[in-house]
Amino acid sequence: MSDFLRYVLSKHTYIDEKLHEKLVVKALENQEVNKALEWIHSFQDKMIRYFMMYQEIEEFKEEHLVLPNGEVDRYYEYSFELINYPNLIITRIIGLEEVNLNFDLNSNTISGIPSNMTSSKLDIYFNHKKDSESKEEKKSIYFMINANPRSLWKDLPSDKEGLYAKEDRIIDRGAFLDKKIISASVRGRSHAHVGSYRDDSYSFIELSNGWSLAAVADGAGSAQYSRQGAHLATTFIRDYFRNEEVLSKLNLLIDKYFEENSNRVIEEELNIPDDISSILSTSILDLFSYLQSFSEENNLLLEDIHTTLALTLCKKYDCGYLVLTYSVGDCPIVVYSEDRNTVNVLNTLDVGEFSGGTRFVTMKEIYQDSLSPRLRMYFIPSFTYLFIMSDGIYDPKFGTESNLMSIEHWNSFILDLKGDNEDGIGVDFLVDTTAEENLLQWMNFWSKGNHDDRTLLIIY
């Protein structure tokens, strides 16, 4: 107190400083002076505390606080960080109930699934821990809930009576070698929005002599009747190998190759003998001739039915699987092994060596050179999944060819496929009766900017 008294005397008296010390000692002996000094000191501390309290309140009111925008039907969560305002307590927020959001007092968190669009004001009520009256203060901020982009897309049915009409979505399941197969194909949002047709097609079939075939085709979006081109490509190649004479000849050559090379067959790409390559090449050349004839008979140009094609012919042996592939375009055929944690792309995509624009089986230039670079043969001891997909799956889930060959990306994709995604929708491969329906639901995933047809065949 003596220092404070000296300060007061120096500010409010003109007594010689030499007398200050005596006066201080004398004054401090007076009980009334001591009480007055204590009151002044207490008042000073109280004023400082009030000032600090009001400063914290006003600084919070003035802070430019921007909440991230929400989205209708998508879970929203935001927690207020009050590290710089340790004495403030948010008591309630007015305006959240209008969009079906809640505020948790304990965690200072706004959460919920917004029910509607809004651009409105939120009133944040709060008080200060050191305010004896617990007076409620208010801070107002603006908050926006955007429309769910999915809701902006229409789902108009295609004309079932139109030329080359096809279903907007299809699913299937069946047997494939000693395994199972499920499939789904659905119109892209860009087609559904205007009521146009699905351009993708697929086929799969169990053949004789232990063979199975699967194919996917992606009709060119710029071609008027590409949906028919894709349909014709997948059905022609399916029916081509239904021919017992063709398949028996291929089967004899493959069995002979295996018998002669059984000691040298390992898990890798194999060189295709010319006689086997010839059968496969003939099937593709016959397909082109068929498409050419179809276009002429229907007064169309080949480019009117442009389509890609990816196909695989597989046979099961005691020691593993013989897999033949052919493709034009960018529909991957991929084998994934969970036990060995490996992934292999089994076909040539039209990137890199075959870059320079999208390629289609309806292009004459595809057949000007040997088809051999597009033909592949593999021996695979075992696998967990074999996938064939259109770029409607490939683009949003992988994006680049390098990611397509990354086991890390495939491990993530498998988890996604099983339900580890924002929609919580996945395929239960253990329930055969619903797996293909699960797949169709999963394929409704949202990916900004990716609204193409989606087709996926899974052999497991």
Protein backbone atom coordinates (compact mmCIF):
# COMPACT_ATOMS: atom_id res chain seq x y z
CA MET A 1 0.00 0.00 0.00
CA SER A 2 2.91 2.37 0.71
CA ASP A 3 3.94 2.42 -2.95
CA PHE A 4 0.40 3.17 -4.02
CA LEU A 5 0.16 6.00 -1.44
CA ARG A 6 3.43 7.50 -2.68
CA TYR A 7 2.03 7.41 -6.21
CA VAL A 8 -1.17 9.21 -5.12
CA LEU A 9 0.75 11.88 -3.21
CA SER A 10 3.09 12.50 -6.12
CA LYS A 11 0.14 13.08 -8.45
CA HIS A 12 -2.10 15.14 -6.21
CA THR A 13 0.15 17.18 -3.81
CA TYR A 14 2.85 19.80 -4.15
CA ILE A 15 4.69 18.92 -0.94
CA ASP A 16 8.43 18.66 -1.16
CA GLU A 17 9.36 15.09 -2.03
CA LYS A 18 11.61 14.98 1.03
CA LEU A 19 8.48 15.16 3.19
CA HIS A 20 6.71 12.38 1.26
CA GLU A 21 8.29 9.58 3.18
CA LYS A 22 7.35 11.06 6.55
CA LEU A 23 3.83 11.73 5.41
CA VAL A 24 3.49 8.21 4.00
CA VAL A 25 4.58 6.66 7.28
CA LYS A 26 2.27 8.97 9.21
CA ALA A 27 -0.70 8.34 6.96
CA LEU A 28 -0.29 4.58 7.07
CA GLU A 29 -0.65 4.74 10.84
CA ASN A 30 -4.16 6.09 10.32
CA GLN A 31 -6.83 3.37 10.16
CA GLU A 32 -9.17 5.42 7.95
CA VAL A 33 -6.39 6.03 5.44
CA ASN A 34 -5.66 2.30 5.26
CA LYS A 35 -9.32 1.50 4.67
CA ALA A 36 -9.52 4.11 1.95
CA LEU A 37 -6.41 2.75 0.26
CA GLU A 38 -7.78 -0.79 0.37
CA TRP A 39 -11.06 0.37 -1.18
CA ILE A 40 -9.26 2.30 -3.93
CA HIS A 41 -7.03 -0.70 -4.71
CA SER A 42 -10.02 -3.04 -4.77
CA PHE A 43 -11.95 -0.65 -7.00
CA GLN A 44 -9.00 -0.44 -9.37
CA ASP A 45 -8.73 -4.24 -9.64
CA LYS A 46 -12.47 -4.52 -10.23
CA MET A 47 -12.37 -1.94 -13.01
CA ILE A 48 -9.53 -3.78 -14.70
CA ARG A 49 -11.40 -7.10 -14.47
CA TYR A 50 -14.53 -5.52 -15.94
CA PHE A 51 -12.49 -3.95 -18.68
CA MET A 52 -10.85 -7.28 -19.56
CA MET A 53 -14.24 -9.01 -19.50
CA TYR A 54 -15.85 -6.43 -21.79
CA GLN A 55 -12.82 -6.49 -24.05
CA GLU A 56 -13.12 -10.28 -24.52
CA ILE A 57 -16.85 -9.97 -25.22
CA GLU A 58 -16.44 -7.18 -27.75
CA GLU A 59 -13.50 -8.84 -29.51
CA PHE A 60 -15.59 -11.99 -29.99
CA LYS A 61 -18.46 -9.91 -31.34
CA GLU A 62 -16.14 -8.16 -33.77
CA GLU A 63 -14.30 -11.27 -34.96
CA HIS A 64 -15.05 -12.15 -38.58
CA LEU A 65 -16.44 -15.65 -38.11
CA VAL A 66 -17.33 -17.61 -41.24
CA LEU A 67 -18.95 -21.02 -40.95
CA PRO A 68 -18.34 -23.45 -43.83
CA ASN A 69 -21.33 -23.85 -46.11
CA GLY A 70 -23.53 -26.87 -45.64
CA GLU A 71 -25.28 -29.02 -48.21
CA VAL A 72 -28.83 -30.33 -48.17
CA ASP A 73 -29.09 -34.01 -47.13
CA ARG A 74 -25.36 -34.22 -46.36
CA TYR A 75 -24.10 -34.51 -42.78
CA TYR A 76 -22.79 -31.23 -41.43
CA GLU A 77 -20.55 -30.63 -38.42
CA TYR A 78 -18.75 -27.55 -37.18
CA SER A 79 -17.11 -26.95 -33.79
CA PHE A 80 -16.42 -23.46 -32.46
CA GLU A 81 -12.80 -22.95 -31.44
CA LEU A 82 -12.82 -20.66 -28.38
CA ILE A 83 -9.13 -20.91 -27.51
CA ASN A 84 -8.78 -17.12 -27.74
CA TYR A 85 -11.94 -16.66 -25.68
CA PRO A 86 -11.51 -19.05 -22.73
CA ASN A 87 -14.09 -17.29 -20.55
CA LEU A 88 -16.94 -17.25 -23.05
CA ILE A 89 -19.76 -19.80 -22.96
CA ILE A 90 -22.10 -20.18 -25.95
CA THR A 91 -25.54 -20.79 -24.48
CA ARG A 92 -27.74 -21.17 -27.57
CA ILE A 93 -27.90 -20.50 -31.31
CA ILE A 94 -31.11 -19.28 -32.91
CA GLY A 95 -31.75 -20.15 -36.56
CA LEU A 96 -30.45 -23.72 -36.69
CA GLU A 97 -33.83 -25.32 -36.16
CA GLU A 98 -35.02 -23.97 -39.51
CA VAL A 99 -32.59 -26.27 -41.33
CA ASN A 100 -32.77 -29.26 -38.96
CA LEU A 101 -29.40 -28.62 -37.27
CA ASN A 102 -28.62 -28.80 -33.56
CA PHE A 103 -26.09 -27.20 -31.22
CA ASP A 104 -24.37 -29.22 -28.48
CA LEU A 105 -23.42 -27.07 -25.46
CA ASN A 106 -20.77 -29.45 -24.17
CA SER A 107 -18.75 -29.68 -27.37
CA ASN A 108 -19.67 -26.30 -28.89
CA THR A 109 -20.63 -28.20 -32.04
CA ILE A 110 -23.27 -27.63 -34.68
CA SER A 111 -24.30 -30.89 -36.34
CA GLY A 112 -27.03 -32.62 -38.27
CA ILE A 113 -28.30 -33.22 -41.78
CA PRO A 114 -29.60 -29.97 -43.31
CA SER A 115 -33.12 -30.34 -44.66
CA ASN A 116 -33.36 -27.33 -46.95
CA MET A 117 -31.44 -24.56 -48.67
CA THR A 118 -30.95 -21.29 -46.82
CA SER A 119 -28.95 -18.11 -46.74
CA SER A 120 -29.86 -16.71 -43.37
CA LYS A 121 -28.65 -15.20 -40.11
CA LEU A 122 -27.66 -17.17 -37.04
CA ASP A 123 -27.83 -15.47 -33.64
CA ILE A 124 -25.17 -16.81 -31.29
CA TYR A 125 -26.01 -16.09 -27.64
CA PHE A 126 -23.22 -16.29 -25.07
CA ASN A 127 -22.12 -15.03 -21.67
CA HIS A 128 -18.89 -14.50 -19.74
CA LYS A 129 -17.86 -16.80 -16.90
CA LYS A 130 -16.78 -13.84 -14.74
CA ASP A 131 -19.96 -11.85 -15.22
CA SER A 132 -21.79 -12.11 -11.89
CA GLU A 133 -25.06 -11.24 -13.62
CA SER A 134 -24.51 -13.83 -16.42
CA LYS A 135 -25.78 -11.28 -18.89
CA GLU A 136 -26.47 -12.87 -22.30
CA GLU A 137 -24.69 -11.26 -25.24
CA LYS A 138 -25.44 -11.80 -28.95
CA LYS A 139 -23.29 -12.22 -32.04
CA SER A 140 -24.91 -12.54 -35.48
CA ILE A 141 -23.33 -14.33 -38.44
CA TYR A 142 -24.54 -15.41 -41.85
CA PHE A 143 -24.87 -19.08 -42.71
CA MET A 144 -25.54 -20.82 -46.02
CA ILE A 145 -26.89 -24.26 -46.88
CA ASN A 146 -26.45 -25.08 -50.56
CA ALA A 147 -28.61 -27.36 -52.64
CA ASN A 148 -27.48 -30.95 -52.90
CA PRO A 149 -26.05 -31.15 -56.43
CA ARG A 150 -27.65 -34.56 -56.85
CA SER A 151 -31.09 -32.99 -56.50
CA LEU A 152 -30.38 -30.63 -59.40
CA TRP A 153 -30.18 -33.57 -61.80
CA LYS A 154 -33.41 -34.81 -63.32
CA ASP A 155 -34.05 -38.51 -63.89
CA LEU A 156 -36.24 -38.53 -66.99
CA PRO A 157 -37.11 -41.94 -68.46
CA SER A 158 -35.90 -42.70 -71.96
CA ASP A 159 -38.38 -43.41 -74.75
CA LYS A 160 -39.11 -47.14 -74.59
CA GLU A 161 -40.57 -47.02 -78.10
CA GLY A 162 -37.63 -45.18 -79.65
CA LEU A 163 -35.21 -46.61 -82.20
CA TYR A 164 -32.68 -48.93 -80.54
CA ALA A 165 -34.33 -48.36 -77.16
CA LYS A 166 -32.71 -50.03 -74.16
CA GLU A 167 -33.24 -50.20 -70.42
CA ASP A 168 -32.00 -47.26 -68.36
CA ARG A 169 -30.40 -49.68 -65.91
CA ILE A 170 -29.85 -53.42 -65.80
CA ILE A 171 -28.42 -55.92 -63.32
CA ASP A 172 -27.51 -59.60 -63.55
CA ARG A 173 -25.85 -62.38 -61.63
CA GLY A 174 -24.67 -65.83 -62.64
CA ALA A 175 -21.87 -68.38 -62.66
CA PHE A 176 -18.47 -67.80 -64.21
CA LEU A 177 -16.07 -70.76 -64.26
CA ASP A 178 -15.92 -71.96 -60.64
CA LYS A 179 -16.81 -68.48 -59.41
CA LYS A 180 -19.76 -66.07 -59.40
CA ILE A 181 -20.38 -62.94 -61.41
CA ILE A 182 -22.54 -59.89 -60.72
CA SER A 183 -23.06 -56.99 -63.09
CA ALA A 184 -24.77 -53.64 -63.28
CA SER A 185 -25.05 -50.91 -65.89
CA VAL A 186 -26.76 -47.57 -65.32
CA ARG A 187 -27.32 -44.40 -67.33
CA GLY A 188 -25.09 -41.51 -66.45
CA ARG A 189 -26.72 -38.46 -64.88
CA SER A 190 -25.96 -36.48 -68.04
CA HIS A 191 -28.20 -38.88 -69.99
CA ALA A 192 -30.86 -39.18 -67.30
CA HIS A 193 -31.15 -35.40 -67.06
CA VAL A 194 -32.37 -35.13 -70.65
CA GLY A 195 -34.08 -38.52 -70.90
CA SER A 196 -31.60 -39.99 -73.37
CA TYR A 197 -30.43 -43.60 -73.57
CA ARG A 198 -27.71 -45.53 -71.80
CA ASP A 199 -24.81 -46.05 -74.21
CA ASP A 200 -22.95 -48.76 -72.23
CA SER A 201 -23.62 -52.47 -72.78
CA TYR A 202 -22.24 -55.74 -71.48
CA SER A 203 -22.62 -59.47 -71.81
CA PHE A 204 -21.34 -62.58 -70.06
CA ILE A 205 -21.93 -66.27 -70.63
CA GLU A 206 -20.81 -69.73 -69.57
CA LEU A 207 -19.56 -71.61 -72.62
CA SER A 208 -18.75 -75.26 -73.28
CA ASN A 209 -15.45 -76.99 -72.48
CA GLY A 210 -15.06 -75.06 -69.22
CA TRP A 211 -14.87 -71.59 -70.79
CA SER A 212 -16.61 -68.36 -69.77
CA LEU A 213 -16.74 -64.98 -71.52
CA ALA A 214 -17.45 -61.43 -70.36
CA ALA A 215 -17.47 -58.19 -72.34
CA VAL A 216 -18.13 -54.48 -71.76
CA ALA A 217 -18.68 -51.83 -74.44
CA ASP A 218 -18.95 -48.07 -74.02
CA GLY A 219 -20.78 -46.32 -76.84
CA ALA A 220 -19.33 -42.96 -77.88
CA GLY A 221 -21.31 -40.08 -76.42
CA SER A 222 -20.93 -38.11 -79.64
CA ALA A 223 -22.34 -40.89 -81.84
CA GLN A 224 -26.09 -40.84 -82.45
CA TYR A 225 -26.64 -44.59 -82.15
CA SER A 226 -23.60 -45.66 -80.19
CA ARG A 227 -25.89 -47.50 -77.79
CA GLN A 228 -26.71 -49.89 -80.61
CA GLY A 229 -23.06 -50.24 -81.54
CA ALA A 230 -22.22 -51.20 -77.95
CA HIS A 231 -25.12 -53.64 -77.81
CA LEU A 232 -24.15 -55.27 -81.11
CA ALA A 233 -20.48 -55.55 -80.13
CA THR A 234 -21.15 -57.34 -76.84
CA THR A 235 -23.85 -59.65 -78.19
CA PHE A 236 -21.93 -60.51 -81.36
CA ILE A 237 -18.78 -61.49 -79.49
CA ARG A 238 -20.85 -63.52 -77.01
CA ASP A 239 -22.63 -65.41 -79.78
CA TYR A 240 -19.43 -65.82 -81.81
CA PHE A 241 -17.85 -67.97 -79.13
CA ARG A 242 -21.07 -69.87 -78.57
CA ASN A 243 -20.25 -71.47 -81.89
CA GLU A 244 -19.08 -74.97 -80.97
CA GLU A 245 -16.75 -75.21 -83.94
CA VAL A 246 -14.93 -71.98 -83.06
CA LEU A 247 -14.70 -72.72 -79.36
CA SER A 248 -13.64 -76.35 -79.85
CA LYS A 249 -10.80 -75.24 -82.11
CA LEU A 250 -9.67 -72.66 -79.56
CA ASN A 251 -9.99 -75.16 -76.75
CA LEU A 252 -7.81 -77.75 -78.52
CA LEU A 253 -5.09 -75.18 -79.19
CA ILE A 254 -5.13 -73.89 -75.61
CA ASP A 255 -5.07 -77.39 -74.11
CA LYS A 256 -2.19 -78.30 -76.41
CA TYR A 257 -0.31 -75.17 -75.38
CA PHE A 258 -0.81 -76.00 -71.72
CA GLU A 259 0.28 -79.58 -72.17
CA GLU A 260 3.47 -78.51 -73.92
CA ASN A 261 4.25 -75.65 -71.55
CA SER A 262 2.85 -76.76 -68.21
CA ASN A 263 6.30 -76.79 -66.61
CA ARG A 264 7.02 -73.25 -67.77
CA VAL A 265 3.66 -71.60 -67.09
CA ILE A 266 3.99 -69.08 -64.28
CA GLU A 267 1.94 -66.14 -63.11
CA GLU A 268 2.69 -63.66 -65.84
CA GLU A 269 1.70 -62.57 -69.30
CA LEU A 270 2.30 -65.33 -71.84
CA ASN A 271 3.27 -65.10 -75.48
CA ILE A 272 0.23 -65.92 -77.60
CA PRO A 273 0.95 -68.53 -80.27
CA ASP A 274 0.00 -67.44 -83.77
CA ASP A 275 -2.74 -70.05 -84.16
CA ILE A 276 -4.48 -68.87 -80.97
CA SER A 277 -4.00 -65.23 -81.92
CA SER A 278 -5.53 -65.97 -85.31
CA ILE A 279 -8.79 -67.24 -83.79
CA LEU A 280 -9.12 -64.19 -81.57
CA SER A 281 -8.21 -61.77 -84.34
CA THR A 282 -10.74 -63.40 -86.67
CA SER A 283 -13.50 -62.87 -84.12
CA ILE A 284 -12.70 -59.15 -83.95
CA LEU A 285 -12.41 -58.81 -87.73
CA ASP A 286 -15.75 -60.58 -88.14
CA LEU A 287 -17.23 -58.20 -85.57
CA PHE A 288 -16.03 -55.22 -87.59
CA SER A 289 -17.51 -56.69 -90.78
CA TYR A 290 -20.80 -57.27 -88.97
CA LEU A 291 -20.92 -53.67 -87.70
CA GLN A 292 -20.01 -52.41 -91.14
CA SER A 293 -22.83 -54.39 -92.74
CA PHE A 294 -25.30 -53.26 -90.09
CA SER A 295 -24.51 -49.59 -90.68
CA GLU A 296 -24.85 -49.97 -94.45
CA GLU A 297 -28.14 -51.86 -94.20
CA ASN A 298 -29.57 -49.17 -91.92
CA ASN A 299 -28.27 -46.19 -93.88
CA LEU A 300 -25.87 -45.23 -91.12
CA LEU A 301 -22.21 -44.30 -91.02
CA LEU A 302 -19.85 -46.42 -88.97
CA GLU A 303 -19.16 -43.40 -86.79
CA ASP A 304 -22.87 -43.31 -85.93
CA ILE A 305 -22.40 -46.52 -83.93
CA HIS A 306 -18.90 -45.88 -82.52
CA THR A 307 -18.17 -48.04 -79.49
CA THR A 308 -15.28 -49.34 -77.43
CA LEU A 309 -14.97 -53.00 -76.44
CA ALA A 310 -13.19 -54.95 -73.71
CA LEU A 311 -13.59 -58.71 -73.53
CA THR A 312 -12.11 -61.61 -71.66
CA LEU A 313 -12.24 -65.35 -72.33
CA CYS A 314 -11.32 -67.50 -69.35
CA LYS A 315 -10.80 -71.18 -68.66
CA LYS A 316 -10.20 -72.92 -65.34
CA TYR A 317 -7.42 -75.49 -64.99
CA ASP A 318 -6.46 -77.47 -61.92
CA CYS A 319 -3.47 -75.20 -61.40
CA GLY A 320 -5.18 -71.88 -62.10
CA TYR A 321 -6.88 -69.73 -64.71
CA LEU A 322 -6.06 -69.06 -68.34
CA VAL A 323 -7.23 -65.54 -69.25
CA LEU A 324 -7.38 -64.11 -72.78
CA THR A 325 -8.20 -60.42 -73.29
CA TYR A 326 -8.76 -57.97 -76.11
CA SER A 327 -9.76 -54.32 -75.96
CA VAL A 328 -10.14 -51.09 -77.88
CA GLY A 329 -10.79 -48.00 -75.79
CA ASP A 330 -10.35 -47.37 -72.08
CA CYS A 331 -12.42 -50.03 -70.31
CA PRO A 332 -10.02 -51.79 -67.90
CA ILE A 333 -9.92 -55.52 -67.22
CA VAL A 334 -8.24 -55.97 -63.84
CA VAL A 335 -7.45 -58.97 -61.65
CA TYR A 336 -7.02 -58.46 -57.90
CA SER A 337 -5.60 -60.94 -55.38
CA GLU A 338 -6.23 -60.27 -51.73
CA ASP A 339 -3.93 -63.06 -50.51
CA ARG A 340 -0.94 -61.87 -52.52
CA ASN A 341 -1.92 -58.19 -52.29
CA THR A 342 -1.40 -57.79 -56.03
CA VAL A 343 -3.26 -56.18 -58.90
CA ASN A 344 -2.73 -56.52 -62.66
CA VAL A 345 -4.31 -54.70 -65.58
CA LEU A 346 -4.90 -57.42 -68.17
CA ASN A 347 -5.64 -55.37 -71.27
CA THR A 348 -4.12 -52.56 -73.29
CA LEU A 349 -5.86 -49.26 -72.67
CA ASP A 350 -5.84 -46.54 -75.30
CA VAL A 351 -3.32 -44.41 -73.47
CA GLY A 352 0.44 -44.21 -73.89
CA GLU A 353 1.33 -46.30 -76.92
CA PHE A 354 -2.23 -46.10 -78.22
CA SER A 355 -2.86 -42.46 -77.29
CA GLY A 356 -4.05 -39.79 -79.66
CA GLY A 357 -7.78 -39.74 -79.01
CA THR A 358 -10.48 -42.22 -78.14
CA ARG A 359 -10.40 -45.44 -80.17
CA PHE A 360 -13.39 -47.51 -81.20
CA VAL A 361 -13.83 -50.98 -82.69
CA THR A 362 -15.79 -49.25 -85.46
CA MET A 363 -12.67 -47.40 -86.69
CA LYS A 364 -11.13 -48.81 -89.88
CA GLU A 365 -7.63 -47.71 -88.86
CA ILE A 366 -7.71 -50.15 -85.94
CA TYR A 367 -7.54 -53.00 -88.45
CA GLN A 368 -4.83 -51.59 -90.71
CA ASP A 369 -2.15 -53.10 -88.49
CA SER A 370 -1.94 -56.40 -86.66
CA LEU A 371 -4.33 -56.83 -83.76
CA SER A 372 -1.68 -58.74 -81.80
CA PRO A 373 -0.62 -55.79 -79.58
CA ARG A 374 -4.18 -55.65 -78.28
CA LEU A 375 -4.41 -59.39 -77.59
CA ARG A 376 -3.17 -60.64 -74.23
CA MET A 377 -2.88 -64.05 -72.57
CA TYR A 378 -2.22 -64.64 -68.88
CA PHE A 379 -1.98 -67.50 -66.46
CA ILE A 380 -3.23 -66.67 -62.96
CA PRO A 381 -2.97 -69.28 -60.16
CA SER A 382 -5.82 -67.69 -58.19
CA PHE A 383 -7.62 -64.40 -57.72
CA THR A 384 -10.14 -62.74 -55.44
CA TYR A 385 -11.82 -60.46 -57.97
CA LEU A 386 -11.72 -59.92 -61.71
CA PHE A 387 -13.21 -56.58 -62.77
CA ILE A 388 -14.34 -55.23 -66.13
CA MET A 389 -15.54 -51.64 -66.02
CA SER A 390 -16.42 -48.72 -68.24
CA ASP A 391 -14.78 -45.34 -67.82
CA GLY A 392 -17.83 -44.20 -65.85
CA ILE A 393 -16.33 -46.20 -62.97
CA TYR A 394 -12.66 -45.89 -63.90
CA ASP A 395 -12.52 -42.10 -64.20
CA PRO A 396 -14.06 -41.10 -60.84
CA LYS A 397 -12.53 -43.93 -58.83
CA PHE A 398 -9.01 -44.02 -60.32
CA GLY A 399 -8.56 -41.10 -62.68
CA THR A 400 -5.22 -42.13 -64.15
CA GLU A 401 -3.68 -45.31 -65.50
CA SER A 402 -0.95 -45.18 -62.85
CA ASN A 403 -3.60 -45.28 -60.11
CA LEU A 404 -5.21 -48.20 -61.91
CA MET A 405 -2.00 -50.16 -61.36
CA SER A 406 -1.62 -49.10 -57.71
CA ILE A 407 -2.45 -51.76 -55.13
CA GLU A 408 -3.09 -48.99 -52.58
CA HIS A 409 -5.81 -47.51 -54.80
CA TRP A 410 -7.33 -50.93 -55.33
CA ASN A 411 -7.34 -51.73 -51.62
CA SER A 412 -9.20 -48.45 -51.07
CA PHE A 413 -11.55 -49.25 -53.95
CA ILE A 414 -12.42 -52.64 -52.44
CA LEU A 415 -13.21 -50.98 -49.10
CA ASP A 416 -15.32 -48.40 -50.93
CA LEU A 417 -17.12 -51.19 -52.79
CA LYS A 418 -17.89 -52.89 -49.48
CA GLY A 419 -19.42 -49.74 -47.99
CA ASP A 420 -16.57 -47.60 -46.66
CA ASN A 421 -17.84 -44.44 -48.37
CA GLU A 422 -19.82 -41.30 -47.57
CA ASP A 423 -23.11 -42.96 -48.57
CA GLY A 424 -22.47 -46.05 -46.45
CA ILE A 425 -23.63 -48.22 -49.36
CA GLY A 426 -21.72 -51.36 -50.28
CA VAL A 427 -21.92 -54.81 -51.83
CA ASP A 428 -22.36 -57.81 -49.55
CA PHE A 429 -20.65 -60.51 -51.60
CA LEU A 430 -21.78 -63.17 -49.12
CA VAL A 431 -25.47 -62.69 -49.97
CA ASP A 432 -25.86 -63.88 -53.54
CA THR A 433 -29.51 -62.90 -53.89
CA THR A 434 -28.93 -59.18 -53.32
CA ALA A 435 -25.32 -58.58 -54.39
CA GLU A 436 -26.18 -57.26 -57.85
CA GLU A 437 -28.85 -54.94 -56.41
CA ASN A 438 -26.26 -53.69 -53.89
CA LEU A 439 -23.91 -53.02 -56.79
CA LEU A 440 -26.52 -50.95 -58.62
CA GLN A 441 -27.14 -48.87 -55.49
CA TRP A 442 -23.41 -48.38 -54.92
CA MET A 443 -23.01 -47.16 -58.51
CA ASN A 444 -25.17 -44.14 -57.69
CA PHE A 445 -22.17 -42.57 -55.89
CA TRP A 446 -21.56 -38.87 -56.38
CA SER A 447 -18.39 -37.63 -58.07
CA LYS A 448 -18.21 -34.01 -59.13
CA GLY A 449 -17.90 -33.70 -62.89
CA ASN A 450 -18.26 -37.45 -63.52
CA HIS A 451 -21.73 -38.16 -64.87
CA ASP A 452 -21.08 -40.77 -67.59
CA ASP A 453 -22.76 -44.18 -67.90
CA ARG A 454 -21.43 -46.66 -65.36
CA THR A 455 -20.93 -50.36 -66.00
CA LEU A 456 -19.16 -52.84 -63.75
CA LEU A 457 -18.79 -56.63 -63.93
CA ILE A 458 -17.28 -58.39 -60.91
CA ILE A 459 -16.16 -62.02 -60.97
CA TYR A 460 -15.49 -63.35 -57.47
